[in-house]
Amino acid sequence: MLLKFLLNKSLSIFITFIVIISVSFALLRTLPGSPFDEGKFSSPEIEAKMQAKYGLDKPIQEQYFSYIKGIFFKGDLGPSLKYPNRDVNEILFEALPVSLQLGLLAFLVSIFIGMSLGIIAAQTRFKLIENIINQISTFGISMPSFIFAAILIYVLGLQLKILPVALWEGPRYLIMPVLTLSIAPTAYIIRITKSAFKKNQDQVFIRMAQAKGISYFDVLLKHILLNSLIPIITVIGPLFAILITGSFVVEYIFALPGIGKYFVTAFINRDYFLVSGVIVIFSSILLFANTVVDLLIIMIDPKQRPN
């Protein structure tokens, strides 16, 4: 029953979510030092007052249950320890749209280019074209994102001066970050699509469809593509979450005001609540994406439906 599947999935998501929050809470609290042991808080008296203000002087188990209660009953991710008079909800609400926009655009670029080149590589009769696409895929997988970003900045930004190299002031500022973030996912999708198409185009039912006189494009779209979607969709769900959560380095390189900027500085400064808040948001995105993938697979392939 689909209802049973959804209930089991919801329970699994809830347990996973609790585990992620608990582990991140424990790991952050084991970091050496305190958020208030440097700079203007270096005085022991001032540090003690700041610890009391944010409840960090309480027993660890009391801090944990207070944090859990705030998340599930109030939707409150706590105050920022390094951004005075700002809470984590406010910071994430401001920064998340930037990360979502960057990740979504990179996701769409990866899907479109990756699937297109993968299908061409699988269907072409010209070995040269297939080899070129294979080399593109190998290059995308092998090239670290920060190296590719440096190349784009040097060539398109500094030498040709056709694109801005940093900041967030319009659509043109997104081009290089999106290209940088999408290079590796595109390469993986090329390989998965090519492999799935080559496997399915040799199946008996495909040959039977061709023998019946069904046109090439009908066979391609209604038979090969449909039967190749499951392995592609299986990758697409986690890929979406990875592109949203994996943009930290790209955002930092291009000085974008996304969550990556806050996560890096928050981790360095031991801003417990902000780091935990980012983990909570991105864990939610990942769990949601995986759930959507499971539902899509059930819709496409009836054999995968729960009994």
C-alpha atoms as a PDB file:
ATOM      1  CA  MET A   1       0.000   0.000   0.000  1.00  0.00           C
ATOM      2  CA  LEU A   2       1.240   3.483  -0.876  1.00  0.00           C
ATOM      3  CA  LEU A   3      -0.048   4.818   2.451  1.00  0.00           C
ATOM      4  CA  LYS A   4       2.023   2.256   4.326  1.00  0.00           C
ATOM      5  CA  PHE A   5       5.078   3.243   2.284  1.00  0.00           C
ATOM      6  CA  LEU A   6       4.571   6.924   3.108  1.00  0.00           C
ATOM      7  CA  LEU A   7       4.140   6.190   6.823  1.00  0.00           C
ATOM      8  CA  ASN A   8       7.285   4.049   6.910  1.00  0.00           C
ATOM      9  CA  LYS A   9       9.172   6.673   4.934  1.00  0.00           C
ATOM     10  CA  SER A  10       8.028   9.435   7.287  1.00  0.00           C
ATOM     11  CA  LEU A  11       9.149   7.454  10.318  1.00  0.00           C
ATOM     12  CA  SER A  12      12.508   6.749   8.678  1.00  0.00           C
ATOM     13  CA  ILE A  13      12.965  10.450   7.842  1.00  0.00           C
ATOM     14  CA  PHE A  14      12.098  11.479  11.405  1.00  0.00           C
ATOM     15  CA  ILE A  15      14.593   9.033  12.933  1.00  0.00           C
ATOM     16  CA  THR A  16      17.319  10.035  10.471  1.00  0.00           C
ATOM     17  CA  PHE A  17      16.648  13.700  11.170  1.00  0.00           C
ATOM     18  CA  ILE A  18      16.936  13.162  14.934  1.00  0.00           C
ATOM     19  CA  VAL A  19      20.205  11.255  14.497  1.00  0.00           C
ATOM     20  CA  ILE A  20      21.691  13.990  12.285  1.00  0.00           C
ATOM     21  CA  ILE A  21      20.750  16.731  14.743  1.00  0.00           C
ATOM     22  CA  SER A  22      22.067  14.730  17.717  1.00  0.00           C
ATOM     23  CA  VAL A  23      25.383  13.843  16.082  1.00  0.00           C
ATOM     24  CA  SER A  24      26.007  17.395  14.859  1.00  0.00           C
ATOM     25  CA  PHE A  25      25.090  18.785  18.301  1.00  0.00           C
ATOM     26  CA  ALA A  26      27.509  16.397  20.031  1.00  0.00           C
ATOM     27  CA  LEU A  27      30.368  16.978  17.584  1.00  0.00           C
ATOM     28  CA  LEU A  28      30.090  20.765  17.766  1.00  0.00           C
ATOM     29  CA  ARG A  29      30.107  20.718  21.564  1.00  0.00           C
ATOM     30  CA  THR A  30      33.307  18.635  21.577  1.00  0.00           C
ATOM     31  CA  LEU A  31      35.241  21.259  19.637  1.00  0.00           C
ATOM     32  CA  PRO A  32      38.045  22.745  21.759  1.00  0.00           C
ATOM     33  CA  GLY A  33      37.607  26.257  23.071  1.00  0.00           C
ATOM     34  CA  SER A  34      34.575  28.502  23.311  1.00  0.00           C
ATOM     35  CA  PRO A  35      32.859  30.942  20.943  1.00  0.00           C
ATOM     36  CA  PHE A  36      33.665  33.646  23.487  1.00  0.00           C
ATOM     37  CA  ASP A  37      37.312  32.980  24.326  1.00  0.00           C
ATOM     38  CA  GLU A  38      38.785  35.518  21.893  1.00  0.00           C
ATOM     39  CA  GLY A  39      38.660  39.244  21.221  1.00  0.00           C
ATOM     40  CA  LYS A  40      36.317  41.372  23.298  1.00  0.00           C
ATOM     41  CA  PHE A  41      35.126  38.308  25.237  1.00  0.00           C
ATOM     42  CA  SER A  42      38.621  37.314  26.368  1.00  0.00           C
ATOM     43  CA  SER A  43      37.891  38.396  29.944  1.00  0.00           C
ATOM     44  CA  PRO A  44      36.717  35.382  32.014  1.00  0.00           C
ATOM     45  CA  GLU A  45      33.946  37.461  33.586  1.00  0.00           C
ATOM     46  CA  ILE A  46      32.571  38.627  30.238  1.00  0.00           C
ATOM     47  CA  GLU A  47      32.859  35.137  28.783  1.00  0.00           C
ATOM     48  CA  ALA A  48      30.922  33.682  31.725  1.00  0.00           C
ATOM     49  CA  LYS A  49      28.149  36.249  31.216  1.00  0.00           C
ATOM     50  CA  MET A  50      27.932  35.427  27.509  1.00  0.00           C
ATOM     51  CA  GLN A  51      27.804  31.700  28.256  1.00  0.00           C
ATOM     52  CA  ALA A  52      24.903  32.337  30.642  1.00  0.00           C
ATOM     53  CA  LYS A  53      23.112  34.614  28.148  1.00  0.00           C
ATOM     54  CA  TYR A  54      22.957  31.880  25.521  1.00  0.00           C
ATOM     55  CA  GLY A  55      22.368  29.017  27.956  1.00  0.00           C
ATOM     56  CA  LEU A  56      25.762  27.428  27.302  1.00  0.00           C
ATOM     57  CA  ASP A  57      26.505  27.237  31.018  1.00  0.00           C
ATOM     58  CA  LYS A  58      23.733  24.682  31.546  1.00  0.00           C
ATOM     59  CA  PRO A  59      24.325  20.909  31.579  1.00  0.00           C
ATOM     60  CA  ILE A  60      24.838  19.503  28.088  1.00  0.00           C
ATOM     61  CA  GLN A  61      21.724  17.313  28.211  1.00  0.00           C
ATOM     62  CA  GLU A  62      19.597  20.332  29.160  1.00  0.00           C
ATOM     63  CA  GLN A  63      21.062  22.290  26.236  1.00  0.00           C
ATOM     64  CA  TYR A  64      20.288  19.383  23.908  1.00  0.00           C
ATOM     65  CA  PHE A  65      16.641  18.951  24.889  1.00  0.00           C
ATOM     66  CA  SER A  66      16.103  22.713  24.827  1.00  0.00           C
ATOM     67  CA  TYR A  67      17.495  22.829  21.280  1.00  0.00           C
ATOM     68  CA  ILE A  68      15.362  19.879  20.118  1.00  0.00           C
ATOM     69  CA  LYS A  69      12.258  21.435  21.667  1.00  0.00           C
ATOM     70  CA  GLY A  70      12.954  24.734  19.913  1.00  0.00           C
ATOM     71  CA  ILE A  71      13.280  23.051  16.502  1.00  0.00           C
ATOM     72  CA  PHE A  72      10.220  20.787  16.625  1.00  0.00           C
ATOM     73  CA  PHE A  73       7.779  22.917  18.604  1.00  0.00           C
ATOM     74  CA  LYS A  74       8.770  26.460  17.647  1.00  0.00           C
ATOM     75  CA  GLY A  75      10.768  26.115  14.451  1.00  0.00           C
ATOM     76  CA  ASP A  76      13.482  28.079  16.238  1.00  0.00           C
ATOM     77  CA  LEU A  77      17.101  27.285  15.292  1.00  0.00           C
ATOM     78  CA  GLY A  78      18.486  29.506  18.018  1.00  0.00           C
ATOM     79  CA  PRO A  79      20.493  32.738  18.133  1.00  0.00           C
ATOM     80  CA  SER A  80      23.734  33.391  16.294  1.00  0.00           C
ATOM     81  CA  LEU A  81      26.718  33.631  18.627  1.00  0.00           C
ATOM     82  CA  LYS A  82      28.817  35.720  16.251  1.00  0.00           C
ATOM     83  CA  TYR A  83      26.199  37.984  14.665  1.00  0.00           C
ATOM     84  CA  PRO A  84      24.811  40.091  17.532  1.00  0.00           C
ATOM     85  CA  ASN A  85      21.052  40.571  17.729  1.00  0.00           C
ATOM     86  CA  ARG A  86      20.413  38.149  14.850  1.00  0.00           C
ATOM     87  CA  ASP A  87      18.946  34.677  15.071  1.00  0.00           C
ATOM     88  CA  VAL A  88      19.756  31.742  12.812  1.00  0.00           C
ATOM     89  CA  ASN A  89      16.292  31.728  11.205  1.00  0.00           C
ATOM     90  CA  GLU A  90      16.783  35.302  10.020  1.00  0.00           C
ATOM     91  CA  ILE A  91      20.261  34.637   8.608  1.00  0.00           C
ATOM     92  CA  LEU A  92      19.202  31.488   6.766  1.00  0.00           C
ATOM     93  CA  PHE A  93      16.037  33.120   5.419  1.00  0.00           C
ATOM     94  CA  GLU A  94      18.242  35.830   3.922  1.00  0.00           C
ATOM     95  CA  ALA A  95      20.979  33.555   2.533  1.00  0.00           C
ATOM     96  CA  LEU A  96      19.086  30.408   1.507  1.00  0.00           C
ATOM     97  CA  PRO A  97      17.471  31.879  -1.661  1.00  0.00           C
ATOM     98  CA  VAL A  98      20.946  32.588  -3.062  1.00  0.00           C
ATOM     99  CA  SER A  99      22.120  29.008  -2.470  1.00  0.00           C
ATOM    100  CA  LEU A 100      18.844  27.585  -3.796  1.00  0.00           C
ATOM    101  CA  GLN A 101      18.990  29.687  -6.944  1.00  0.00           C
ATOM    102  CA  LEU A 102      22.612  28.757  -7.599  1.00  0.00           C
ATOM    103  CA  GLY A 103      22.012  25.061  -6.898  1.00  0.00           C
ATOM    104  CA  LEU A 104      18.792  24.875  -8.931  1.00  0.00           C
ATOM    105  CA  LEU A 105      20.355  26.509 -11.988  1.00  0.00           C
ATOM    106  CA  ALA A 106      23.392  24.210 -11.763  1.00  0.00           C
ATOM    107  CA  PHE A 107      21.016  21.256 -11.396  1.00  0.00           C
ATOM    108  CA  LEU A 108      19.045  22.183 -14.545  1.00  0.00           C
ATOM    109  CA  VAL A 109      22.238  22.789 -16.527  1.00  0.00           C
ATOM    110  CA  SER A 110      23.648  19.435 -15.388  1.00  0.00           C
ATOM    111  CA  ILE A 111      20.466  17.544 -16.301  1.00  0.00           C
ATOM    112  CA  PHE A 112      20.023  19.172 -19.703  1.00  0.00           C
ATOM    113  CA  ILE A 113      23.643  18.993 -20.886  1.00  0.00           C
ATOM    114  CA  GLY A 114      24.410  15.686 -19.169  1.00  0.00           C
ATOM    115  CA  MET A 115      21.403  13.798 -20.551  1.00  0.00           C
ATOM    116  CA  SER A 116      21.745  15.369 -24.012  1.00  0.00           C
ATOM    117  CA  LEU A 117      25.418  14.431 -24.371  1.00  0.00           C
ATOM    118  CA  GLY A 118      24.806  11.006 -22.810  1.00  0.00           C
ATOM    119  CA  ILE A 119      22.061  10.214 -25.330  1.00  0.00           C
ATOM    120  CA  ILE A 120      24.193  11.462 -28.233  1.00  0.00           C
ATOM    121  CA  ALA A 121      27.154   9.346 -27.066  1.00  0.00           C
ATOM    122  CA  ALA A 122      24.953   6.263 -26.811  1.00  0.00           C
ATOM    123  CA  GLN A 123      23.159   6.761 -30.144  1.00  0.00           C
ATOM    124  CA  THR A 124      25.841   8.183 -32.431  1.00  0.00           C
ATOM    125  CA  ARG A 125      27.454   6.021 -35.093  1.00  0.00           C
ATOM    126  CA  PHE A 126      30.523   8.253 -35.217  1.00  0.00           C
ATOM    127  CA  LYS A 127      33.237   7.024 -32.872  1.00  0.00           C
ATOM    128  CA  LEU A 128      34.927  10.428 -32.862  1.00  0.00           C
ATOM    129  CA  ILE A 129      31.838  12.123 -31.381  1.00  0.00           C
ATOM    130  CA  GLU A 130      31.534   9.435 -28.706  1.00  0.00           C
ATOM    131  CA  ASN A 131      35.224   9.799 -27.830  1.00  0.00           C
ATOM    132  CA  ILE A 132      34.923  13.584 -27.544  1.00  0.00           C
ATOM    133  CA  ILE A 133      31.953  13.259 -25.195  1.00  0.00           C
ATOM    134  CA  ASN A 134      33.828  10.639 -23.168  1.00  0.00           C
ATOM    135  CA  GLN A 135      36.756  13.040 -22.829  1.00  0.00           C
ATOM    136  CA  ILE A 136      34.407  15.819 -21.707  1.00  0.00           C
ATOM    137  CA  SER A 137      33.000  13.482 -19.059  1.00  0.00           C
ATOM    138  CA  THR A 138      36.471  12.453 -17.865  1.00  0.00           C
ATOM    139  CA  PHE A 139      37.556  16.092 -17.715  1.00  0.00           C
ATOM    140  CA  GLY A 140      34.488  17.054 -15.664  1.00  0.00           C
ATOM    141  CA  ILE A 141      34.998  14.258 -13.153  1.00  0.00           C
ATOM    142  CA  SER A 142      38.746  14.845 -12.805  1.00  0.00           C
ATOM    143  CA  MET A 143      38.722  18.643 -12.588  1.00  0.00           C
ATOM    144  CA  PRO A 144      38.394  20.037  -9.017  1.00  0.00           C
ATOM    145  CA  SER A 145      35.792  22.784  -8.860  1.00  0.00           C
ATOM    146  CA  PHE A 146      38.163  25.386  -7.420  1.00  0.00           C
ATOM    147  CA  ILE A 147      40.646  24.819 -10.277  1.00  0.00           C
ATOM    148  CA  PHE A 148      37.871  25.141 -12.866  1.00  0.00           C
ATOM    149  CA  ALA A 149      36.665  28.295 -11.098  1.00  0.00           C
ATOM    150  CA  ALA A 150      40.187  29.762 -11.279  1.00  0.00           C
ATOM    151  CA  ILE A 151      40.360  28.997 -15.011  1.00  0.00           C
ATOM    152  CA  LEU A 152      36.997  30.651 -15.669  1.00  0.00           C
ATOM    153  CA  ILE A 153      37.929  33.698 -13.609  1.00  0.00           C
ATOM    154  CA  TYR A 154      41.263  34.094 -15.401  1.00  0.00           C
ATOM    155  CA  VAL A 155      39.971  33.535 -18.945  1.00  0.00           C
ATOM    156  CA  LEU A 156      36.436  34.966 -18.924  1.00  0.00           C
ATOM    157  CA  GLY A 157      36.857  37.528 -16.170  1.00  0.00           C
ATOM    158  CA  LEU A 158      40.421  38.862 -16.275  1.00  0.00           C
ATOM    159  CA  GLN A 159      41.565  38.234 -19.847  1.00  0.00           C
ATOM    160  CA  LEU A 160      38.419  38.523 -21.979  1.00  0.00           C
ATOM    161  CA  LYS A 161      36.570  40.685 -19.423  1.00  0.00           C
ATOM    162  CA  ILE A 162      33.170  39.406 -20.553  1.00  0.00           C
ATOM    163  CA  LEU A 163      31.913  38.247 -17.154  1.00  0.00           C
ATOM    164  CA  PRO A 164      32.169  39.617 -13.612  1.00  0.00           C
ATOM    165  CA  VAL A 165      34.427  37.567 -11.351  1.00  0.00           C
ATOM    166  CA  ALA A 166      32.576  37.937  -8.044  1.00  0.00           C
ATOM    167  CA  LEU A 167      29.637  39.298  -6.025  1.00  0.00           C
ATOM    168  CA  TRP A 168      25.882  39.023  -6.605  1.00  0.00           C
ATOM    169  CA  GLU A 169      24.493  41.913  -8.606  1.00  0.00           C
ATOM    170  CA  GLY A 170      22.535  40.396 -11.486  1.00  0.00           C
ATOM    171  CA  PRO A 171      22.105  37.377 -13.778  1.00  0.00           C
ATOM    172  CA  ARG A 172      25.567  37.784 -15.364  1.00  0.00           C
ATOM    173  CA  TYR A 173      27.153  37.206 -11.960  1.00  0.00           C
ATOM    174  CA  LEU A 174      25.636  33.721 -11.851  1.00  0.00           C
ATOM    175  CA  ILE A 175      27.148  32.332 -15.046  1.00  0.00           C
ATOM    176  CA  MET A 176      30.603  31.385 -13.789  1.00  0.00           C
ATOM    177  CA  PRO A 177      29.414  30.004 -10.408  1.00  0.00           C
ATOM    178  CA  VAL A 178      26.746  27.884 -12.153  1.00  0.00           C
ATOM    179  CA  LEU A 179      29.250  26.529 -14.692  1.00  0.00           C
ATOM    180  CA  THR A 180      31.707  25.733 -11.901  1.00  0.00           C
ATOM    181  CA  LEU A 181      29.134  23.968  -9.746  1.00  0.00           C
ATOM    182  CA  SER A 182      27.630  21.968 -12.616  1.00  0.00           C
ATOM    183  CA  ILE A 183      30.794  20.577 -14.240  1.00  0.00           C
ATOM    184  CA  ALA A 184      31.165  17.428 -12.102  1.00  0.00           C
ATOM    185  CA  PRO A 185      27.423  16.526 -11.952  1.00  0.00           C
ATOM    186  CA  THR A 186      27.173  16.970 -15.719  1.00  0.00           C
ATOM    187  CA  ALA A 187      30.036  14.527 -16.224  1.00  0.00           C
ATOM    188  CA  TYR A 188      28.421  11.892 -13.999  1.00  0.00           C
ATOM    189  CA  ILE A 189      25.032  12.241 -15.697  1.00  0.00           C
ATOM    190  CA  ILE A 190      26.689  11.836 -19.121  1.00  0.00           C
ATOM    191  CA  ARG A 191      28.129   8.494 -18.043  1.00  0.00           C
ATOM    192  CA  ILE A 192      24.981   7.226 -16.338  1.00  0.00           C
ATOM    193  CA  THR A 193      22.748   8.227 -19.267  1.00  0.00           C
ATOM    194  CA  LYS A 194      25.068   6.706 -21.841  1.00  0.00           C
ATOM    195  CA  SER A 195      25.318   3.451 -19.877  1.00  0.00           C
ATOM    196  CA  ALA A 196      21.542   3.212 -19.347  1.00  0.00           C
ATOM    197  CA  PHE A 197      20.760   3.908 -23.010  1.00  0.00           C
ATOM    198  CA  LYS A 198      23.303   1.429 -24.339  1.00  0.00           C
ATOM    199  CA  LYS A 199      21.943  -1.241 -21.999  1.00  0.00           C
ATOM    200  CA  ASN A 200      18.301  -0.669 -22.966  1.00  0.00           C
ATOM    201  CA  GLN A 201      18.749  -0.243 -26.716  1.00  0.00           C
ATOM    202  CA  ASP A 202      20.018  -3.825 -26.922  1.00  0.00           C
ATOM    203  CA  GLN A 203      16.975  -5.287 -25.164  1.00  0.00           C
ATOM    204  CA  VAL A 204      14.686  -7.715 -27.041  1.00  0.00           C
ATOM    205  CA  PHE A 205      11.570  -5.523 -26.744  1.00  0.00           C
ATOM    206  CA  ILE A 206      13.430  -2.621 -28.392  1.00  0.00           C
ATOM    207  CA  ARG A 207      14.353  -4.781 -31.354  1.00  0.00           C
ATOM    208  CA  MET A 208      10.768  -6.018 -31.586  1.00  0.00           C
ATOM    209  CA  ALA A 209       9.495  -2.413 -31.625  1.00  0.00           C
ATOM    210  CA  GLN A 210      11.925  -1.567 -34.411  1.00  0.00           C
ATOM    211  CA  ALA A 211      10.914  -4.694 -36.325  1.00  0.00           C
ATOM    212  CA  LYS A 212       7.262  -3.588 -36.175  1.00  0.00           C
ATOM    213  CA  GLY A 213       8.188  -0.448 -38.059  1.00  0.00           C
ATOM    214  CA  ILE A 214       7.887   2.010 -35.167  1.00  0.00           C
ATOM    215  CA  SER A 215       9.821   5.168 -35.971  1.00  0.00           C
ATOM    216  CA  TYR A 216      13.265   5.751 -34.518  1.00  0.00           C
ATOM    217  CA  PHE A 217      12.163   8.731 -32.403  1.00  0.00           C
ATOM    218  CA  ASP A 218       9.136   6.872 -31.012  1.00  0.00           C
ATOM    219  CA  VAL A 219      11.377   3.997 -29.979  1.00  0.00           C
ATOM    220  CA  LEU A 220      13.868   6.433 -28.505  1.00  0.00           C
ATOM    221  CA  LEU A 221      11.361   8.471 -26.503  1.00  0.00           C
ATOM    222  CA  LYS A 222       8.681   5.934 -25.568  1.00  0.00           C
ATOM    223  CA  HIS A 223      10.829   2.875 -24.980  1.00  0.00           C
ATOM    224  CA  ILE A 224      14.549   3.501 -24.490  1.00  0.00           C
ATOM    225  CA  LEU A 225      14.211   6.817 -22.638  1.00  0.00           C
ATOM    226  CA  LEU A 226      11.381   5.618 -20.397  1.00  0.00           C
ATOM    227  CA  ASN A 227      13.265   2.483 -19.391  1.00  0.00           C
ATOM    228  CA  SER A 228      16.480   4.448 -18.839  1.00  0.00           C
ATOM    229  CA  LEU A 229      14.921   6.962 -16.463  1.00  0.00           C
ATOM    230  CA  ILE A 230      15.130   4.903 -13.255  1.00  0.00           C
ATOM    231  CA  PRO A 231      18.951   4.838 -12.913  1.00  0.00           C
ATOM    232  CA  ILE A 232      19.053   8.504 -13.943  1.00  0.00           C
ATOM    233  CA  ILE A 233      16.356   9.555 -11.457  1.00  0.00           C
ATOM    234  CA  THR A 234      18.062   7.544  -8.709  1.00  0.00           C
ATOM    235  CA  VAL A 235      21.071   9.830  -9.127  1.00  0.00           C
ATOM    236  CA  ILE A 236      19.144  13.047  -9.767  1.00  0.00           C
ATOM    237  CA  GLY A 237      17.551  13.218  -6.294  1.00  0.00           C
ATOM    238  CA  PRO A 238      20.742  13.148  -4.228  1.00  0.00           C
ATOM    239  CA  LEU A 239      22.386  15.252  -6.937  1.00  0.00           C
ATOM    240  CA  PHE A 240      19.919  18.079  -6.339  1.00  0.00           C
ATOM    241  CA  ALA A 241      20.645  18.048  -2.606  1.00  0.00           C
ATOM    242  CA  ILE A 242      24.395  17.847  -3.214  1.00  0.00           C
ATOM    243  CA  LEU A 243      24.282  20.855  -5.550  1.00  0.00           C
ATOM    244  CA  ILE A 244      22.403  22.884  -2.948  1.00  0.00           C
ATOM    245  CA  THR A 245      24.599  21.764  -0.051  1.00  0.00           C
ATOM    246  CA  GLY A 246      27.849  21.489  -1.980  1.00  0.00           C
ATOM    247  CA  SER A 247      28.017  25.069  -3.155  1.00  0.00           C
ATOM    248  CA  PHE A 248      29.995  26.262  -0.110  1.00  0.00           C
ATOM    249  CA  VAL A 249      33.358  26.385  -1.878  1.00  0.00           C
ATOM    250  CA  VAL A 250      31.888  27.930  -5.023  1.00  0.00           C
ATOM    251  CA  GLU A 251      30.023  30.578  -3.012  1.00  0.00           C
ATOM    252  CA  TYR A 252      33.197  31.381  -1.086  1.00  0.00           C
ATOM    253  CA  ILE A 253      35.325  31.684  -4.257  1.00  0.00           C
ATOM    254  CA  PHE A 254      32.870  33.999  -6.008  1.00  0.00           C
ATOM    255  CA  ALA A 255      31.959  35.927  -2.830  1.00  0.00           C
ATOM    256  CA  LEU A 256      28.270  35.091  -3.092  1.00  0.00           C
ATOM    257  CA  PRO A 257      26.023  35.953  -0.117  1.00  0.00           C
ATOM    258  CA  GLY A 258      24.718  32.394   0.237  1.00  0.00           C
ATOM    259  CA  ILE A 259      24.709  29.990   3.137  1.00  0.00           C
ATOM    260  CA  GLY A 260      28.218  28.800   2.265  1.00  0.00           C
ATOM    261  CA  LYS A 261      29.617  32.153   3.341  1.00  0.00           C
ATOM    262  CA  TYR A 262      27.972  31.896   6.751  1.00  0.00           C
ATOM    263  CA  PHE A 263      28.732  28.200   7.220  1.00  0.00           C
ATOM    264  CA  VAL A 264      32.482  28.591   6.701  1.00  0.00           C
ATOM    265  CA  THR A 265      32.808  31.602   9.014  1.00  0.00           C
ATOM    266  CA  ALA A 266      30.421  30.094  11.559  1.00  0.00           C
ATOM    267  CA  PHE A 267      32.432  26.874  11.758  1.00  0.00           C
ATOM    268  CA  ILE A 268      35.706  28.775  12.169  1.00  0.00           C
ATOM    269  CA  ASN A 269      34.159  30.953  14.886  1.00  0.00           C
ATOM    270  CA  ARG A 270      32.397  28.004  16.575  1.00  0.00           C
ATOM    271  CA  ASP A 271      28.961  29.538  16.143  1.00  0.00           C
ATOM    272  CA  TYR A 272      27.173  26.386  17.329  1.00  0.00           C
ATOM    273  CA  PHE A 273      23.629  27.416  16.507  1.00  0.00           C
ATOM    274  CA  LEU A 274      24.383  28.717  13.004  1.00  0.00           C
ATOM    275  CA  VAL A 275      26.387  25.641  12.000  1.00  0.00           C
ATOM    276  CA  SER A 276      23.654  23.371  13.389  1.00  0.00           C
ATOM    277  CA  GLY A 277      21.008  25.417  11.582  1.00  0.00           C
ATOM    278  CA  VAL A 278      22.749  24.982   8.233  1.00  0.00           C
ATOM    279  CA  ILE A 279      23.046  21.232   8.856  1.00  0.00           C
ATOM    280  CA  VAL A 280      19.335  21.033   9.742  1.00  0.00           C
ATOM    281  CA  ILE A 281      18.266  22.896   6.586  1.00  0.00           C
ATOM    282  CA  PHE A 282      20.455  20.929   4.222  1.00  0.00           C
ATOM    283  CA  SER A 283      19.611  17.604   5.842  1.00  0.00           C
ATOM    284  CA  SER A 284      15.942  18.443   5.296  1.00  0.00           C
ATOM    285  CA  ILE A 285      16.620  19.178   1.614  1.00  0.00           C
ATOM    286  CA  LEU A 286      18.497  15.900   1.172  1.00  0.00           C
ATOM    287  CA  LEU A 287      15.795  13.819   2.888  1.00  0.00           C
ATOM    288  CA  PHE A 288      13.073  15.548   0.872  1.00  0.00           C
ATOM    289  CA  ALA A 289      14.933  14.963  -2.409  1.00  0.00           C
ATOM    290  CA  ASN A 290      15.409  11.273  -1.636  1.00  0.00           C
ATOM    291  CA  THR A 291      11.706  10.917  -0.812  1.00  0.00           C
ATOM    292  CA  VAL A 292      10.690  12.539  -4.101  1.00  0.00           C
ATOM    293  CA  VAL A 293      13.029  10.174  -5.970  1.00  0.00           C
ATOM    294  CA  ASP A 294      11.466   7.138  -4.289  1.00  0.00           C
ATOM    295  CA  LEU A 295       7.985   8.346  -5.255  1.00  0.00           C
ATOM    296  CA  LEU A 296       9.031   9.031  -8.853  1.00  0.00           C
ATOM    297  CA  ILE A 297      10.525   5.551  -9.177  1.00  0.00           C
ATOM    298  CA  ILE A 298       7.291   4.012  -7.874  1.00  0.00           C
ATOM    299  CA  MET A 299       5.270   6.041 -10.386  1.00  0.00           C
ATOM    300  CA  ILE A 300       7.505   5.086 -13.334  1.00  0.00           C
ATOM    301  CA  ASP A 301       8.067   1.437 -12.482  1.00  0.00           C
ATOM    302  CA  PRO A 302       5.009  -0.403 -11.074  1.00  0.00           C
ATOM    303  CA  LYS A 303       7.291  -3.290 -10.037  1.00  0.00           C
ATOM    304  CA  GLN A 304       8.818  -1.014  -7.390  1.00  0.00           C
ATOM    305  CA  ARG A 305       5.486  -0.332  -5.715  1.00  0.00           C
ATOM    306  CA  PRO A 306       5.159  -1.714  -2.173  1.00  0.00           C
ATOM    307  CA  ASN A 307       2.801  -4.624  -1.652  1.00  0.00           C
END
